[in-house]
Amino acid sequence: MFPPLPLISAIGTPRKCGTTYGSVAALAIAANTANYMARFAAVGIDVQRARDYGALFRVASHRHAPRVAEMLDGVAEGARVNVDEIYALNGRTELIYSVDPDDAGSDRRAGAGECTAVAVLGERSTSGHTLLAQNWDWHPDQRPYALLLDTTDEHGRRVVALTEAGMLAKAGLNDAGLGVCVNMLGTTRDRRDGGVPYHVLLRAALEQPHLGAAIRAVCSVPRGASINLLMGQAFPGGTPGEAIDLEVAPGDVGFVHPVDGVITHANHFESALSAVDTLKSIGSSSFFRAARARRLLGTGPIGEERIKAVLCDHGGFPASICRHDQGEEVDDADRTESLFTLVLDLDERRISIAPGPACRGVEYRHIRMDKSG
């Protein structure tokens, strides 16, 4: 059995939310920061260089996502961790999987297979609700640093997100019925030198009051890393909800729309972008996981139990939708496991989460929002 996933709540301005979060989770944030400093060292980035990158990320974040940046500054203050290290932590994807601009001839790490995601519109769901879901796949040693962050800002806007200690969001939803799931992508354009970090983009999207604003928050800023955001929103008054998949690369964005009320996505680009997908040079289970998820969802109405069953699928094991740690059978850097499974009901404003791999019959924990926060 895994220990309960911590839930940290904070209320106030972005800075106040950050300092509260930082102080409550100070030990976990300090440990996770040290942990990622070791991961950065494994790809040739020492602490001072990580801080230098973090300083670039901080400048870009304050310029293009100032409220998120204020919260991160508060996290560093509350946890008493170097602020540039906090920004390096939030740029972990850029630092581990990208290169410096003067290292264009060097090898990139394509990265472990991360995540399979699903969106189901109300026209296909048994409840009539708009649903998002995913497995979050990452190195199994990161499991102890995961937590749920529940913030309510000075305007009463609430966000609940799964994240890692010291970060502000991965998958999550807000009280406007907007939700985000995430998959890692990679292109030959990905760079370490500045831009708004991957995890700051995720939080910036979740801070928005409607889907159009979330799309703008992602598309309108400079980026160093590629990222896939499967986003949706439930609309009031009986208006059908919507979902869209954004494949975001430095300098370009692609779109995937629902087909028969469903979107599935893994870790490769499915739209036509000018950037070169790094997975094409090595191959990946991503090339079948999204298509398999769509096929397993089948025809007719789709309920949450079917979505959960798809996220437990072992077809192609071990490189399957449901991932299990292969331990010493693979290099440590390539170890990956489905750490958590999430289902977001955007109409109910509910996040349901279970520790993974979810095939083990674990129970889901449910967090519901209301307008009062």
Protein backbone atom coordinates (compact mmCIF):
# COMPACT_ATOMS: atom_id res chain seq x y z
CA MET A 1 0.00 0.00 0.00
CA PHE A 2 1.11 3.52 -0.77
CA PRO A 3 0.81 6.29 1.85
CA PRO A 4 -2.09 8.74 1.37
CA LEU A 5 -1.45 11.45 -1.20
CA PRO A 6 -0.96 14.72 0.71
CA LEU A 7 -3.55 17.45 0.09
CA ILE A 8 -2.30 20.99 0.68
CA SER A 9 -4.76 23.89 0.69
CA ALA A 10 -3.89 27.58 0.42
CA ILE A 11 -6.01 30.72 0.19
CA GLY A 12 -5.09 34.29 -0.78
CA THR A 13 -3.05 36.16 -3.34
CA PRO A 14 -0.69 34.14 -5.54
CA ARG A 15 2.21 35.09 -3.26
CA LYS A 16 0.28 34.11 -0.14
CA CYS A 17 -0.80 30.78 -1.68
CA GLY A 18 2.82 30.12 -2.59
CA THR A 19 4.24 30.89 0.84
CA THR A 20 1.56 28.77 2.54
CA TYR A 21 2.24 25.85 0.23
CA GLY A 22 6.00 26.29 0.60
CA SER A 23 5.93 26.35 4.39
CA VAL A 24 3.52 23.40 4.76
CA ALA A 25 5.43 21.22 2.28
CA ALA A 26 8.91 22.58 3.08
CA LEU A 27 10.53 19.22 3.80
CA ALA A 28 9.13 17.57 0.67
CA ILE A 29 10.04 20.57 -1.50
CA ALA A 30 13.61 20.66 -0.20
CA ALA A 31 13.98 16.91 -0.73
CA ASN A 32 12.48 17.03 -4.23
CA THR A 33 14.68 19.97 -5.20
CA ALA A 34 17.78 18.06 -4.08
CA ASN A 35 16.49 15.01 -5.92
CA TYR A 36 16.16 16.93 -9.18
CA MET A 37 19.57 18.55 -8.71
CA ALA A 38 20.92 14.99 -8.78
CA ARG A 39 18.89 14.22 -11.93
CA PHE A 40 20.28 17.35 -13.56
CA ALA A 41 23.82 16.34 -12.59
CA ALA A 42 23.27 13.04 -14.38
CA VAL A 43 22.85 14.96 -17.66
CA GLY A 44 25.84 17.23 -17.00
CA ILE A 45 24.15 20.18 -15.25
CA ASP A 46 25.68 21.08 -11.89
CA VAL A 47 23.85 23.09 -9.22
CA GLN A 48 25.20 26.47 -10.30
CA ARG A 49 24.32 25.84 -13.92
CA ALA A 50 20.84 24.68 -12.89
CA ARG A 51 20.44 27.94 -10.96
CA ASP A 52 21.55 29.91 -14.02
CA TYR A 53 18.87 28.20 -16.09
CA GLY A 54 16.37 28.76 -13.30
CA ALA A 55 17.11 32.48 -13.35
CA LEU A 56 16.29 32.56 -17.08
CA PHE A 57 13.05 30.67 -16.45
CA ARG A 58 12.17 33.11 -13.68
CA VAL A 59 12.58 36.14 -15.93
CA ALA A 60 10.43 34.56 -18.66
CA SER A 61 7.77 33.49 -16.16
CA HIS A 62 7.49 36.94 -14.58
CA ARG A 63 7.20 38.50 -18.02
CA HIS A 64 4.63 36.14 -19.50
CA ALA A 65 2.87 34.45 -16.54
CA PRO A 66 3.31 36.92 -13.65
CA ARG A 67 0.69 35.48 -11.29
CA VAL A 68 2.19 32.01 -11.59
CA ALA A 69 5.66 33.48 -11.07
CA GLU A 70 4.50 35.30 -7.92
CA MET A 71 3.24 32.00 -6.56
CA LEU A 72 6.53 30.25 -7.33
CA ASP A 73 8.48 33.05 -5.66
CA GLY A 74 6.26 32.48 -2.62
CA VAL A 75 6.95 28.73 -2.72
CA ALA A 76 10.69 29.38 -2.57
CA GLU A 77 10.21 31.86 0.28
CA GLY A 78 7.94 29.59 2.29
CA ALA A 79 10.11 26.49 1.79
CA ARG A 80 13.36 28.44 2.26
CA VAL A 81 14.74 27.01 -0.98
CA ASN A 82 16.83 29.00 -3.45
CA VAL A 83 14.35 30.66 -5.81
CA ASP A 84 16.36 29.85 -8.94
CA GLU A 85 16.42 26.19 -7.93
CA ILE A 86 12.62 26.26 -7.66
CA TYR A 87 12.40 27.57 -11.22
CA ALA A 88 14.92 24.95 -12.38
CA LEU A 89 12.69 22.33 -10.73
CA ASN A 90 9.72 23.64 -12.72
CA GLY A 91 11.88 23.47 -15.85
CA ARG A 92 12.88 19.86 -15.23
CA THR A 93 11.59 18.79 -18.65
CA GLU A 94 13.66 21.41 -20.42
CA LEU A 95 16.78 20.61 -18.40
CA ILE A 96 16.62 16.82 -18.59
CA TYR A 97 15.34 16.33 -22.14
CA SER A 98 16.53 19.37 -24.12
CA VAL A 99 19.91 20.77 -25.18
CA ASP A 100 21.78 24.06 -25.13
CA PRO A 101 21.63 26.11 -28.33
CA ASP A 102 25.37 25.63 -28.87
CA ASP A 103 25.04 21.84 -28.47
CA ALA A 104 22.90 21.30 -31.55
CA GLY A 105 24.94 18.30 -32.63
CA SER A 106 24.66 16.48 -29.33
CA ASP A 107 22.30 13.65 -28.57
CA ARG A 108 18.96 14.40 -26.97
CA ARG A 109 17.37 12.14 -24.43
CA ALA A 110 14.07 11.23 -25.98
CA GLY A 111 12.63 10.55 -22.56
CA ALA A 112 10.67 7.76 -20.94
CA GLY A 113 7.18 7.15 -22.25
CA GLU A 114 4.98 9.50 -20.27
CA CYS A 115 1.22 9.28 -20.06
CA THR A 116 -1.82 8.27 -22.05
CA ALA A 117 -4.74 10.70 -21.95
CA VAL A 118 -8.43 10.59 -22.90
CA ALA A 119 -11.21 13.12 -23.40
CA VAL A 120 -14.88 12.16 -23.76
CA LEU A 121 -17.50 14.75 -24.60
CA GLY A 122 -20.97 14.69 -23.07
CA GLU A 123 -22.44 13.36 -26.31
CA ARG A 124 -20.55 10.10 -25.69
CA SER A 125 -20.40 9.84 -21.89
CA THR A 126 -23.06 7.90 -20.01
CA SER A 127 -23.47 10.81 -17.61
CA GLY A 128 -23.68 13.45 -20.34
CA HIS A 129 -20.69 15.12 -18.69
CA THR A 130 -17.38 16.20 -20.24
CA LEU A 131 -14.63 13.90 -18.95
CA LEU A 132 -10.83 13.99 -19.06
CA ALA A 133 -8.57 11.20 -17.81
CA GLN A 134 -4.98 10.06 -17.86
CA ASN A 135 -2.23 7.93 -16.44
CA TRP A 136 0.68 10.02 -15.18
CA ASP A 137 3.78 7.96 -16.02
CA TRP A 138 7.13 9.00 -14.59
CA HIS A 139 10.12 7.62 -12.72
CA PRO A 140 8.89 5.51 -9.77
CA ASP A 141 11.29 7.27 -7.39
CA GLN A 142 9.20 10.43 -7.87
CA ARG A 143 6.12 8.92 -6.25
CA PRO A 144 6.96 10.11 -2.70
CA TYR A 145 7.11 13.73 -3.89
CA ALA A 146 3.61 13.81 -5.42
CA LEU A 147 0.82 15.81 -3.80
CA LEU A 148 -2.51 17.49 -4.46
CA LEU A 149 -2.46 21.28 -4.38
CA ASP A 150 -5.77 23.07 -3.73
CA THR A 151 -5.62 26.86 -4.03
CA THR A 152 -8.26 29.58 -3.85
CA ASP A 153 -7.07 33.02 -4.93
CA GLU A 154 -8.11 36.48 -3.75
CA HIS A 155 -10.93 36.49 -6.33
CA GLY A 156 -12.35 33.18 -5.10
CA ARG A 157 -11.06 31.18 -8.09
CA ARG A 158 -10.13 27.65 -7.15
CA VAL A 159 -7.69 25.19 -8.73
CA VAL A 160 -7.03 21.59 -7.69
CA ALA A 161 -4.10 19.86 -9.34
CA LEU A 162 -1.83 16.87 -8.99
CA THR A 163 1.77 18.00 -8.86
CA GLU A 164 5.23 17.32 -7.48
CA ALA A 165 6.52 19.12 -4.40
CA GLY A 166 7.74 22.56 -5.46
CA MET A 167 5.71 22.61 -8.67
CA LEU A 168 2.22 24.09 -9.11
CA ALA A 169 0.41 21.76 -11.50
CA LYS A 170 0.31 18.76 -13.74
CA ALA A 171 -3.20 17.46 -14.46
CA GLY A 172 -6.02 19.31 -12.72
CA LEU A 173 -9.17 21.41 -12.97
CA ASN A 174 -10.62 24.69 -11.79
CA ASP A 175 -13.99 25.88 -10.52
CA ALA A 176 -14.91 27.21 -13.97
CA GLY A 177 -15.14 23.60 -15.13
CA LEU A 178 -11.87 23.79 -17.08
CA GLY A 179 -9.52 20.82 -16.90
CA VAL A 180 -6.10 19.91 -18.25
CA CYS A 181 -4.30 16.62 -18.79
CA VAL A 182 -0.71 16.44 -20.02
CA ASN A 183 1.66 14.33 -22.12
CA MET A 184 5.35 14.92 -22.76
CA LEU A 185 6.40 15.58 -26.37
CA GLY A 186 9.82 16.19 -27.90
CA THR A 187 11.20 17.94 -30.97
CA THR A 188 14.61 18.86 -32.30
CA ARG A 189 13.73 22.49 -31.48
CA ASP A 190 13.56 21.94 -27.73
CA ARG A 191 16.06 24.08 -25.83
CA ARG A 192 17.10 24.82 -22.26
CA ASP A 193 17.82 28.52 -22.70
CA GLY A 194 14.83 30.37 -21.32
CA GLY A 195 11.22 30.46 -22.36
CA VAL A 196 8.31 29.79 -20.03
CA PRO A 197 8.88 26.38 -18.41
CA TYR A 198 6.66 23.39 -19.13
CA HIS A 199 5.14 23.27 -15.65
CA VAL A 200 4.52 27.02 -15.51
CA LEU A 201 2.54 26.68 -18.76
CA LEU A 202 0.37 23.99 -17.16
CA ARG A 203 -0.45 26.20 -14.20
CA ALA A 204 -1.05 29.23 -16.43
CA ALA A 205 -3.65 27.24 -18.37
CA LEU A 206 -5.42 26.12 -15.19
CA GLU A 207 -5.59 29.70 -13.90
CA GLN A 208 -7.85 30.75 -16.79
CA PRO A 209 -11.64 31.27 -16.54
CA HIS A 210 -12.48 29.81 -19.95
CA LEU A 211 -11.09 27.55 -22.66
CA GLY A 212 -10.21 30.33 -25.08
CA ALA A 213 -8.13 32.11 -22.44
CA ALA A 214 -6.36 28.86 -21.55
CA ILE A 215 -5.43 28.35 -25.21
CA ARG A 216 -4.08 31.90 -25.41
CA ALA A 217 -2.09 31.44 -22.20
CA VAL A 218 -0.28 28.50 -23.77
CA CYS A 219 0.11 29.67 -27.36
CA SER A 220 1.08 33.31 -26.79
CA VAL A 221 4.31 32.78 -24.80
CA PRO A 222 7.84 31.69 -25.78
CA ARG A 223 8.54 28.05 -24.95
CA GLY A 224 11.66 25.96 -24.63
CA ALA A 225 10.11 22.50 -24.44
CA SER A 226 7.35 20.70 -26.30
CA ILE A 227 4.22 19.73 -24.40
CA ASN A 228 0.82 18.23 -25.11
CA LEU A 229 -2.18 19.67 -23.30
CA LEU A 230 -5.51 17.88 -23.52
CA MET A 231 -7.93 20.55 -22.34
CA GLY A 232 -11.68 20.71 -21.91
CA GLN A 233 -14.40 22.74 -20.27
CA ALA A 234 -17.95 22.12 -19.12
CA PHE A 235 -20.20 25.06 -19.96
CA PRO A 236 -23.20 26.29 -17.91
CA GLY A 237 -26.86 26.29 -18.84
CA GLY A 238 -26.96 22.97 -20.63
CA THR A 239 -24.52 24.10 -23.34
CA PRO A 240 -22.47 21.05 -24.46
CA GLY A 241 -18.89 21.00 -23.22
CA GLU A 242 -15.80 21.09 -25.42
CA ALA A 243 -12.34 19.50 -25.60
CA ILE A 244 -9.25 20.19 -27.67
CA ASP A 245 -5.75 18.78 -27.76
CA LEU A 246 -2.88 21.26 -28.16
CA GLU A 247 0.45 19.90 -29.41
CA VAL A 248 2.77 22.73 -28.43
CA ALA A 249 6.36 22.99 -29.67
CA PRO A 250 8.78 25.91 -29.61
CA GLY A 251 7.55 28.19 -32.40
CA ASP A 252 4.57 26.08 -33.47
CA VAL A 253 1.26 24.65 -32.25
CA GLY A 254 -0.87 21.81 -33.64
CA PHE A 255 -4.48 20.89 -32.89
CA VAL A 256 -6.38 17.63 -32.52
CA HIS A 257 -10.18 17.84 -32.24
CA PRO A 258 -12.67 15.23 -31.00
CA VAL A 259 -13.74 12.54 -33.45
CA ASP A 260 -17.09 11.00 -32.54
CA GLY A 261 -16.83 12.83 -29.22
CA VAL A 262 -13.46 11.34 -28.21
CA ILE A 263 -9.79 12.38 -28.15
CA THR A 264 -6.96 10.07 -27.14
CA HIS A 265 -3.30 11.07 -27.01
CA ALA A 266 0.10 9.70 -26.00
CA ASN A 267 3.60 11.09 -26.56
CA HIS A 268 4.00 11.73 -30.28
CA PHE A 269 2.67 14.47 -32.54
CA GLU A 270 -0.49 13.65 -34.46
CA SER A 271 -0.94 17.00 -36.21
CA ALA A 272 1.25 18.35 -39.01
CA LEU A 273 3.91 20.58 -37.47
CA SER A 274 7.09 21.89 -39.00
CA ALA A 275 9.12 20.61 -36.02
CA VAL A 276 10.70 17.14 -36.12
CA ASP A 277 9.33 14.68 -33.55
CA THR A 278 12.29 13.12 -31.70
CA LEU A 279 10.39 9.86 -31.15
CA LYS A 280 10.52 9.20 -34.88
CA SER A 281 14.25 8.59 -34.63
CA ILE A 282 13.97 5.92 -31.92
CA GLY A 283 10.44 4.46 -32.01
CA SER A 284 8.01 4.34 -29.12
CA SER A 285 4.97 2.54 -27.74
CA SER A 286 3.32 5.95 -28.04
CA PHE A 287 2.74 5.10 -31.69
CA PHE A 288 0.07 2.55 -30.70
CA ARG A 289 -1.06 3.56 -27.21
CA ALA A 290 -3.37 6.43 -28.20
CA ALA A 291 -4.93 4.46 -31.06
CA ARG A 292 -5.38 1.45 -28.79
CA ALA A 293 -7.05 3.57 -26.11
CA ARG A 294 -9.56 4.87 -28.68
CA ARG A 295 -10.29 1.36 -29.92
CA LEU A 296 -10.73 0.00 -26.39
CA LEU A 297 -13.19 2.77 -25.57
CA GLY A 298 -15.37 1.20 -28.26
CA THR A 299 -18.64 2.48 -29.61
CA GLY A 300 -21.72 3.73 -27.83
CA PRO A 301 -21.92 5.51 -24.48
CA ILE A 302 -18.71 5.59 -22.42
CA GLY A 303 -18.79 5.48 -18.64
CA GLU A 304 -16.04 6.24 -16.17
CA GLU A 305 -15.53 2.56 -15.41
CA ARG A 306 -14.71 1.89 -19.05
CA ILE A 307 -12.24 4.77 -19.09
CA LYS A 308 -10.60 3.40 -15.93
CA ALA A 309 -10.42 -0.05 -17.51
CA VAL A 310 -8.68 1.36 -20.58
CA LEU A 311 -6.11 3.03 -18.34
CA CYS A 312 -5.47 -0.41 -16.76
CA ASP A 313 -4.75 -2.04 -20.14
CA HIS A 314 -1.60 -4.17 -20.48
CA GLY A 315 -1.59 -4.63 -24.26
CA GLY A 316 2.05 -4.42 -25.35
CA PHE A 317 3.31 -4.87 -21.78
CA PRO A 318 5.63 -3.58 -20.40
CA ALA A 319 5.36 -0.59 -22.78
CA SER A 320 1.60 -0.51 -22.32
CA ILE A 321 -1.02 2.07 -21.34
CA CYS A 322 -0.71 0.81 -17.75
CA ARG A 323 3.01 0.96 -17.01
CA HIS A 324 4.92 -1.05 -14.42
CA ASP A 325 8.42 -0.38 -13.14
CA GLN A 326 10.91 -2.69 -14.80
CA GLY A 327 13.55 -2.02 -12.17
CA GLU A 328 17.02 -3.35 -12.97
CA GLU A 329 15.89 -4.67 -16.35
CA VAL A 330 16.35 -1.17 -17.82
CA ASP A 331 18.70 1.77 -17.26
CA ASP A 332 17.64 3.82 -14.26
CA ALA A 333 16.96 6.88 -16.42
CA ASP A 334 14.49 4.85 -18.49
CA ARG A 335 12.45 3.48 -15.59
CA THR A 336 8.83 4.56 -15.68
CA GLU A 337 5.57 3.58 -14.03
CA SER A 338 1.97 4.78 -13.97
CA LEU A 339 2.28 6.66 -10.69
CA PHE A 340 -1.31 7.95 -10.60
CA THR A 341 -4.51 7.63 -12.60
CA LEU A 342 -6.89 10.60 -12.75
CA VAL A 343 -10.45 11.07 -13.98
CA LEU A 344 -11.80 14.63 -14.17
CA ASP A 345 -15.56 15.21 -14.37
CA LEU A 346 -15.68 18.81 -15.51
CA ASP A 347 -19.43 19.22 -14.99
CA GLU A 348 -19.26 17.96 -11.41
CA ARG A 349 -16.00 19.85 -10.80
CA ARG A 350 -14.60 16.56 -9.51
CA ILE A 351 -11.13 15.07 -9.60
CA SER A 352 -10.89 11.35 -8.89
CA ILE A 353 -7.39 9.99 -8.34
CA ALA A 354 -5.87 6.60 -7.57
CA PRO A 355 -2.25 5.55 -7.00
CA GLY A 356 -1.00 3.53 -9.91
CA PRO A 357 -0.61 1.22 -11.51
CA ALA A 358 -4.40 1.32 -11.25
CA CYS A 359 -4.72 -2.31 -12.39
CA ARG A 360 -4.01 -3.28 -8.78
CA GLY A 361 -7.60 -2.53 -7.80
CA VAL A 362 -6.85 0.55 -5.76
CA GLU A 363 -9.64 2.85 -4.62
CA TYR A 364 -10.16 6.29 -6.10
CA ARG A 365 -10.15 9.38 -3.92
CA HIS A 366 -12.69 12.05 -4.92
CA ILE A 367 -12.36 15.80 -4.46
CA ARG A 368 -15.35 17.94 -5.42
CA MET A 369 -15.48 21.68 -5.77
CA ASP A 370 -18.24 24.15 -5.20
CA LYS A 371 -18.30 27.86 -5.92
CA SER A 372 -17.60 28.70 -2.33
CA GLY A 373 -14.24 26.89 -2.52
